[in-house]
Amino acid sequence: MTKDQDIQIPPELDYIMEACRAVSKNRYQDALWLLKEGLRENSGIADRIDTALFIALLRALIVELEVRAEEHFGTS
């Protein structure tokens, strides 16, 4: 997912985008907290979450983490 894509993120999944923003600003502890709390809050509504969007957002977060890790620690 890129910034120029116009995708509506439902409020119950916005925590993943917030975590992506935190990672992009090197605020890893904040990103982890956002993920932990978001997953905890969503555990009760898991049957109502768009699974494909959930996976796409998690994938975007992982890509952001990979990019930041390569910048900070190199590719090895």
PDB file of N, CA and C in Angstrom:
ATOM      1  N   MET A   1       0.839  -1.176   0.000  1.00  0.00           N
ATOM      2  CA  MET A   1       0.000   0.000   0.000  1.00  0.00           C
ATOM      3  C   MET A   1       0.881   1.236   0.000  1.00  0.00           C
ATOM      4  N   THR A   2       0.589   2.121  -0.884  1.00  0.00           N
ATOM      5  CA  THR A   2       1.342   3.358  -0.941  1.00  0.00           C
ATOM      6  C   THR A   2       0.450   4.504  -0.505  1.00  0.00           C
ATOM      7  N   LYS A   3       1.088   5.629  -0.252  1.00  0.00           N
ATOM      8  CA  LYS A   3       0.337   6.775   0.233  1.00  0.00           C
ATOM      9  C   LYS A   3      -0.639   7.308  -0.812  1.00  0.00           C
ATOM     10  N   ASP A   4      -0.355   7.071  -2.105  1.00  0.00           N
ATOM     11  CA  ASP A   4      -1.232   7.607  -3.128  1.00  0.00           C
ATOM     12  C   ASP A   4      -2.440   6.728  -3.414  1.00  0.00           C
ATOM     13  N   GLN A   5      -2.523   5.566  -2.789  1.00  0.00           N
ATOM     14  CA  GLN A   5      -3.710   4.739  -2.934  1.00  0.00           C
ATOM     15  C   GLN A   5      -4.792   5.281  -2.004  1.00  0.00           C
ATOM     16  N   ASP A   6      -5.997   5.346  -2.519  1.00  0.00           N
ATOM     17  CA  ASP A   6      -7.099   5.916  -1.744  1.00  0.00           C
ATOM     18  C   ASP A   6      -7.952   4.785  -1.187  1.00  0.00           C
ATOM     19  N   ILE A   7      -7.505   4.198  -0.096  1.00  0.00           N
ATOM     20  CA  ILE A   7      -8.202   3.080   0.520  1.00  0.00           C
ATOM     21  C   ILE A   7      -8.803   3.560   1.837  1.00  0.00           C
ATOM     22  N   GLN A   8     -10.065   3.253   2.024  1.00  0.00           N
ATOM     23  CA  GLN A   8     -10.722   3.576   3.284  1.00  0.00           C
ATOM     24  C   GLN A   8     -10.339   2.523   4.316  1.00  0.00           C
ATOM     25  N   ILE A   9      -9.688   2.951   5.365  1.00  0.00           N
ATOM     26  CA  ILE A   9      -9.311   2.054   6.453  1.00  0.00           C
ATOM     27  C   ILE A   9     -10.383   2.174   7.527  1.00  0.00           C
ATOM     28  N   PRO A  10     -11.040   1.069   7.853  1.00  0.00           N
ATOM     29  CA  PRO A  10     -12.055   1.143   8.907  1.00  0.00           C
ATOM     30  C   PRO A  10     -11.399   1.442  10.258  1.00  0.00           C
ATOM     31  N   PRO A  11     -12.105   2.111  11.121  1.00  0.00           N
ATOM     32  CA  PRO A  11     -11.528   2.501  12.414  1.00  0.00           C
ATOM     33  C   PRO A  11     -10.941   1.330  13.196  1.00  0.00           C
ATOM     34  N   GLU A  12     -11.553   0.155  13.075  1.00  0.00           N
ATOM     35  CA  GLU A  12     -11.059  -0.975  13.857  1.00  0.00           C
ATOM     36  C   GLU A  12      -9.709  -1.502  13.352  1.00  0.00           C
ATOM     37  N   LEU A  13      -9.266  -1.059  12.169  1.00  0.00           N
ATOM     38  CA  LEU A  13      -7.955  -1.479  11.663  1.00  0.00           C
ATOM     39  C   LEU A  13      -6.967  -0.316  11.560  1.00  0.00           C
ATOM     40  N   ASP A  14      -7.384   0.869  11.920  1.00  0.00           N
ATOM     41  CA  ASP A  14      -6.519   2.039  11.810  1.00  0.00           C
ATOM     42  C   ASP A  14      -5.271   1.922  12.682  1.00  0.00           C
ATOM     43  N   TYR A  15      -5.317   1.129  13.728  1.00  0.00           N
ATOM     44  CA  TYR A  15      -4.150   0.971  14.596  1.00  0.00           C
ATOM     45  C   TYR A  15      -2.949   0.429  13.826  1.00  0.00           C
ATOM     46  N   ILE A  16      -3.188  -0.339  12.782  1.00  0.00           N
ATOM     47  CA  ILE A  16      -2.069  -0.870  11.996  1.00  0.00           C
ATOM     48  C   ILE A  16      -1.415   0.264  11.207  1.00  0.00           C
ATOM     49  N   MET A  17      -2.223   1.153  10.651  1.00  0.00           N
ATOM     50  CA  MET A  17      -1.665   2.303   9.933  1.00  0.00           C
ATOM     51  C   MET A  17      -0.937   3.239  10.894  1.00  0.00           C
ATOM     52  N   GLU A  18      -1.487   3.396  12.086  1.00  0.00           N
ATOM     53  CA  GLU A  18      -0.805   4.208  13.089  1.00  0.00           C
ATOM     54  C   GLU A  18       0.547   3.589  13.451  1.00  0.00           C
ATOM     55  N   ALA A  19       0.593   2.272  13.537  1.00  0.00           N
ATOM     56  CA  ALA A  19       1.859   1.583  13.817  1.00  0.00           C
ATOM     57  C   ALA A  19       2.840   1.794  12.671  1.00  0.00           C
ATOM     58  N   CYS A  20       2.348   1.766  11.426  1.00  0.00           N
ATOM     59  CA  CYS A  20       3.214   2.041  10.270  1.00  0.00           C
ATOM     60  C   CYS A  20       3.802   3.446  10.359  1.00  0.00           C
ATOM     61  N   ARG A  21       2.978   4.412  10.727  1.00  0.00           N
ATOM     62  CA  ARG A  21       3.455   5.782  10.859  1.00  0.00           C
ATOM     63  C   ARG A  21       4.504   5.891  11.963  1.00  0.00           C
ATOM     64  N   ALA A  22       4.270   5.187  13.055  1.00  0.00           N
ATOM     65  CA  ALA A  22       5.242   5.206  14.156  1.00  0.00           C
ATOM     66  C   ALA A  22       6.573   4.605  13.712  1.00  0.00           C
ATOM     67  N   VAL A  23       6.528   3.490  12.994  1.00  0.00           N
ATOM     68  CA  VAL A  23       7.758   2.864  12.493  1.00  0.00           C
ATOM     69  C   VAL A  23       8.475   3.819  11.554  1.00  0.00           C
ATOM     70  N   SER A  24       7.735   4.491  10.690  1.00  0.00           N
ATOM     71  CA  SER A  24       8.363   5.405   9.735  1.00  0.00           C
ATOM     72  C   SER A  24       9.072   6.562  10.440  1.00  0.00           C
ATOM     73  N   LYS A  25       8.673   6.831  11.674  1.00  0.00           N
ATOM     74  CA  LYS A  25       9.317   7.884  12.474  1.00  0.00           C
ATOM     75  C   LYS A  25      10.271   7.300  13.511  1.00  0.00           C
ATOM     76  N   ASN A  26      10.612   6.009  13.332  1.00  0.00           N
ATOM     77  CA  ASN A  26      11.533   5.300  14.230  1.00  0.00           C
ATOM     78  C   ASN A  26      11.033   5.218  15.668  1.00  0.00           C
ATOM     79  N   ARG A  27       9.737   5.202  15.846  1.00  0.00           N
ATOM     80  CA  ARG A  27       9.123   5.071  17.169  1.00  0.00           C
ATOM     81  C   ARG A  27       8.631   3.622  17.323  1.00  0.00           C
ATOM     82  N   TYR A  28       9.591   2.730  17.434  1.00  0.00           N
ATOM     83  CA  TYR A  28       9.279   1.293  17.432  1.00  0.00           C
ATOM     84  C   TYR A  28       8.491   0.860  18.665  1.00  0.00           C
ATOM     85  N   GLN A  29       8.816   1.410  19.807  1.00  0.00           N
ATOM     86  CA  GLN A  29       8.080   1.051  21.023  1.00  0.00           C
ATOM     87  C   GLN A  29       6.612   1.462  20.898  1.00  0.00           C
ATOM     88  N   ASP A  30       6.370   2.644  20.357  1.00  0.00           N
ATOM     89  CA  ASP A  30       4.991   3.096  20.136  1.00  0.00           C
ATOM     90  C   ASP A  30       4.273   2.167  19.163  1.00  0.00           C
ATOM     91  N   ALA A  31       4.978   1.764  18.099  1.00  0.00           N
ATOM     92  CA  ALA A  31       4.380   0.873  17.100  1.00  0.00           C
ATOM     93  C   ALA A  31       3.981  -0.451  17.740  1.00  0.00           C
ATOM     94  N   LEU A  32       4.854  -1.006  18.556  1.00  0.00           N
ATOM     95  CA  LEU A  32       4.544  -2.269  19.220  1.00  0.00           C
ATOM     96  C   LEU A  32       3.365  -2.119  20.166  1.00  0.00           C
ATOM     97  N   TRP A  33       3.320  -1.030  20.894  1.00  0.00           N
ATOM     98  CA  TRP A  33       2.210  -0.801  21.826  1.00  0.00           C
ATOM     99  C   TRP A  33       0.894  -0.675  21.049  1.00  0.00           C
ATOM    100  N   LEU A  34       0.916   0.097  19.947  1.00  0.00           N
ATOM    101  CA  LEU A  34      -0.287   0.253  19.128  1.00  0.00           C
ATOM    102  C   LEU A  34      -0.776  -1.091  18.609  1.00  0.00           C
ATOM    103  N   LEU A  35       0.149  -1.907  18.128  1.00  0.00           N
ATOM    104  CA  LEU A  35      -0.230  -3.235  17.630  1.00  0.00           C
ATOM    105  C   LEU A  35      -0.806  -4.105  18.734  1.00  0.00           C
ATOM    106  N   LYS A  36      -0.114  -4.132  19.863  1.00  0.00           N
ATOM    107  CA  LYS A  36      -0.574  -4.969  20.974  1.00  0.00           C
ATOM    108  C   LYS A  36      -1.969  -4.570  21.422  1.00  0.00           C
ATOM    109  N   GLU A  37      -2.185  -3.288  21.607  1.00  0.00           N
ATOM    110  CA  GLU A  37      -3.488  -2.811  22.068  1.00  0.00           C
ATOM    111  C   GLU A  37      -4.565  -3.001  20.997  1.00  0.00           C
ATOM    112  N   GLY A  38      -4.223  -2.726  19.753  1.00  0.00           N
ATOM    113  CA  GLY A  38      -5.190  -2.903  18.676  1.00  0.00           C
ATOM    114  C   GLY A  38      -5.621  -4.350  18.529  1.00  0.00           C
ATOM    115  N   LEU A  39      -4.672  -5.261  18.593  1.00  0.00           N
ATOM    116  CA  LEU A  39      -5.015  -6.681  18.500  1.00  0.00           C
ATOM    117  C   LEU A  39      -5.855  -7.128  19.693  1.00  0.00           C
ATOM    118  N   ARG A  40      -5.503  -6.621  20.874  1.00  0.00           N
ATOM    119  CA  ARG A  40      -6.282  -6.966  22.067  1.00  0.00           C
ATOM    120  C   ARG A  40      -7.724  -6.482  21.929  1.00  0.00           C
ATOM    121  N   GLU A  41      -7.887  -5.250  21.485  1.00  0.00           N
ATOM    122  CA  GLU A  41      -9.234  -4.692  21.333  1.00  0.00           C
ATOM    123  C   GLU A  41     -10.024  -5.405  20.246  1.00  0.00           C
ATOM    124  N   ASN A  42      -9.360  -5.842  19.201  1.00  0.00           N
ATOM    125  CA  ASN A  42     -10.047  -6.487  18.086  1.00  0.00           C
ATOM    126  C   ASN A  42     -10.294  -7.971  18.288  1.00  0.00           C
ATOM    127  N   SER A  43      -9.758  -8.549  19.319  1.00  0.00           N
ATOM    128  CA  SER A  43      -9.951  -9.987  19.516  1.00  0.00           C
ATOM    129  C   SER A  43     -11.433 -10.336  19.696  1.00  0.00           C
ATOM    130  N   GLY A  44     -12.209  -9.423  20.218  1.00  0.00           N
ATOM    131  CA  GLY A  44     -13.633  -9.669  20.413  1.00  0.00           C
ATOM    132  C   GLY A  44     -14.486  -9.465  19.168  1.00  0.00           C
ATOM    133  N   ILE A  45     -13.925  -8.831  18.149  1.00  0.00           N
ATOM    134  CA  ILE A  45     -14.695  -8.578  16.926  1.00  0.00           C
ATOM    135  C   ILE A  45     -14.019  -9.203  15.709  1.00  0.00           C
ATOM    136  N   ALA A  46     -13.196 -10.189  15.912  1.00  0.00           N
ATOM    137  CA  ALA A  46     -12.420 -10.795  14.826  1.00  0.00           C
ATOM    138  C   ALA A  46     -13.301 -11.287  13.682  1.00  0.00           C
ATOM    139  N   ASP A  47     -14.495 -11.728  13.992  1.00  0.00           N
ATOM    140  CA  ASP A  47     -15.389 -12.245  12.946  1.00  0.00           C
ATOM    141  C   ASP A  47     -15.958 -11.137  12.055  1.00  0.00           C
ATOM    142  N   ARG A  48     -15.825  -9.881  12.464  1.00  0.00           N
ATOM    143  CA  ARG A  48     -16.358  -8.761  11.687  1.00  0.00           C
ATOM    144  C   ARG A  48     -15.289  -7.987  10.925  1.00  0.00           C
ATOM    145  N   ILE A  49     -14.028  -8.421  11.008  1.00  0.00           N
ATOM    146  CA  ILE A  49     -12.926  -7.710  10.368  1.00  0.00           C
ATOM    147  C   ILE A  49     -12.703  -8.266   8.964  1.00  0.00           C
ATOM    148  N   ASP A  50     -12.451  -7.366   8.023  1.00  0.00           N
ATOM    149  CA  ASP A  50     -12.131  -7.745   6.643  1.00  0.00           C
ATOM    150  C   ASP A  50     -10.745  -8.395   6.643  1.00  0.00           C
ATOM    151  N   THR A  51     -10.714  -9.706   6.506  1.00  0.00           N
ATOM    152  CA  THR A  51      -9.474 -10.470   6.618  1.00  0.00           C
ATOM    153  C   THR A  51      -8.456 -10.069   5.554  1.00  0.00           C
ATOM    154  N   ALA A  52      -8.897  -9.882   4.340  1.00  0.00           N
ATOM    155  CA  ALA A  52      -7.972  -9.512   3.261  1.00  0.00           C
ATOM    156  C   ALA A  52      -7.328  -8.158   3.538  1.00  0.00           C
ATOM    157  N   LEU A  53      -8.110  -7.207   4.014  1.00  0.00           N
ATOM    158  CA  LEU A  53      -7.569  -5.887   4.341  1.00  0.00           C
ATOM    159  C   LEU A  53      -6.634  -5.982   5.542  1.00  0.00           C
ATOM    160  N   PHE A  54      -7.008  -6.757   6.534  1.00  0.00           N
ATOM    161  CA  PHE A  54      -6.167  -6.964   7.710  1.00  0.00           C
ATOM    162  C   PHE A  54      -4.790  -7.486   7.294  1.00  0.00           C
ATOM    163  N   ILE A  55      -4.770  -8.499   6.425  1.00  0.00           N
ATOM    164  CA  ILE A  55      -3.511  -9.077   5.968  1.00  0.00           C
ATOM    165  C   ILE A  55      -2.722  -8.060   5.149  1.00  0.00           C
ATOM    166  N   ALA A  56      -3.393  -7.310   4.291  1.00  0.00           N
ATOM    167  CA  ALA A  56      -2.708  -6.303   3.479  1.00  0.00           C
ATOM    168  C   ALA A  56      -2.064  -5.231   4.359  1.00  0.00           C
ATOM    169  N   LEU A  57      -2.770  -4.811   5.391  1.00  0.00           N
ATOM    170  CA  LEU A  57      -2.220  -3.805   6.300  1.00  0.00           C
ATOM    171  C   LEU A  57      -1.047  -4.349   7.097  1.00  0.00           C
ATOM    172  N   LEU A  58      -1.152  -5.576   7.559  1.00  0.00           N
ATOM    173  CA  LEU A  58      -0.022  -6.182   8.271  1.00  0.00           C
ATOM    174  C   LEU A  58       1.191  -6.314   7.360  1.00  0.00           C
ATOM    175  N   ARG A  59       0.935  -6.672   6.111  1.00  0.00           N
ATOM    176  CA  ARG A  59       2.022  -6.779   5.138  1.00  0.00           C
ATOM    177  C   ARG A  59       2.689  -5.420   4.941  1.00  0.00           C
ATOM    178  N   ALA A  60       1.899  -4.356   4.854  1.00  0.00           N
ATOM    179  CA  ALA A  60       2.452  -3.006   4.718  1.00  0.00           C
ATOM    180  C   ALA A  60       3.323  -2.660   5.919  1.00  0.00           C
ATOM    181  N   LEU A  61       2.886  -3.040   7.098  1.00  0.00           N
ATOM    182  CA  LEU A  61       3.670  -2.791   8.306  1.00  0.00           C
ATOM    183  C   LEU A  61       4.992  -3.550   8.258  1.00  0.00           C
ATOM    184  N   ILE A  62       4.955  -4.782   7.824  1.00  0.00           N
ATOM    185  CA  ILE A  62       6.173  -5.587   7.738  1.00  0.00           C
ATOM    186  C   ILE A  62       7.139  -4.992   6.724  1.00  0.00           C
ATOM    187  N   VAL A  63       6.625  -4.539   5.592  1.00  0.00           N
ATOM    188  CA  VAL A  63       7.486  -3.899   4.591  1.00  0.00           C
ATOM    189  C   VAL A  63       8.138  -2.650   5.183  1.00  0.00           C
ATOM    190  N   GLU A  64       7.373  -1.853   5.897  1.00  0.00           N
ATOM    191  CA  GLU A  64       7.921  -0.652   6.538  1.00  0.00           C
ATOM    192  C   GLU A  64       9.013  -1.028   7.538  1.00  0.00           C
ATOM    193  N   LEU A  65       8.779  -2.074   8.302  1.00  0.00           N
ATOM    194  CA  LEU A  65       9.792  -2.541   9.247  1.00  0.00           C
ATOM    195  C   LEU A  65      11.052  -3.008   8.521  1.00  0.00           C
ATOM    196  N   GLU A  66      10.882  -3.727   7.415  1.00  0.00           N
ATOM    197  CA  GLU A  66      12.038  -4.187   6.634  1.00  0.00           C
ATOM    198  C   GLU A  66      12.862  -3.015   6.114  1.00  0.00           C
ATOM    199  N   VAL A  67      12.182  -2.017   5.580  1.00  0.00           N
ATOM    200  CA  VAL A  67      12.870  -0.840   5.044  1.00  0.00           C
ATOM    201  C   VAL A  67      13.659  -0.143   6.143  1.00  0.00           C
ATOM    202  N   ARG A  68      13.019   0.059   7.274  1.00  0.00           N
ATOM    203  CA  ARG A  68      13.697   0.739   8.386  1.00  0.00           C
ATOM    204  C   ARG A  68      14.856  -0.088   8.923  1.00  0.00           C
ATOM    205  N   ALA A  69      14.691  -1.384   9.017  1.00  0.00           N
ATOM    206  CA  ALA A  69      15.765  -2.249   9.503  1.00  0.00           C
ATOM    207  C   ALA A  69      16.961  -2.197   8.554  1.00  0.00           C
ATOM    208  N   GLU A  70      16.706  -2.213   7.247  1.00  0.00           N
ATOM    209  CA  GLU A  70      17.794  -2.124   6.278  1.00  0.00           C
ATOM    210  C   GLU A  70      18.517  -0.784   6.402  1.00  0.00           C
ATOM    211  N   GLU A  71      17.762   0.293   6.611  1.00  0.00           N
ATOM    212  CA  GLU A  71      18.370   1.615   6.775  1.00  0.00           C
ATOM    213  C   GLU A  71      19.252   1.686   8.015  1.00  0.00           C
ATOM    214  N   HIS A  72      18.790   1.088   9.088  1.00  0.00           N
ATOM    215  CA  HIS A  72      19.497   1.202  10.363  1.00  0.00           C
ATOM    216  C   HIS A  72      20.571   0.138  10.565  1.00  0.00           C
ATOM    217  N   PHE A  73      20.331  -1.056  10.057  1.00  0.00           N
ATOM    218  CA  PHE A  73      21.225  -2.170  10.373  1.00  0.00           C
ATOM    219  C   PHE A  73      21.887  -2.774   9.145  1.00  0.00           C
ATOM    220  N   GLY A  74      21.578  -2.300   7.956  1.00  0.00           N
ATOM    221  CA  GLY A  74      22.122  -2.879   6.741  1.00  0.00           C
ATOM    222  C   GLY A  74      21.335  -4.095   6.315  1.00  0.00           C
ATOM    223  N   THR A  75      21.772  -4.716   5.254  1.00  0.00           N
ATOM    224  CA  THR A  75      21.025  -5.855   4.710  1.00  0.00           C
ATOM    225  C   THR A  75      21.483  -7.182   5.262  1.00  0.00           C
ATOM    226  N   SER A  76      22.546  -7.209   6.009  1.00  0.00           N
ATOM    227  CA  SER A  76      23.035  -8.492   6.534  1.00  0.00           C
ATOM    228  C   SER A  76      22.380  -8.879   7.850  1.00  0.00           C
TER     229      SER A  76
END
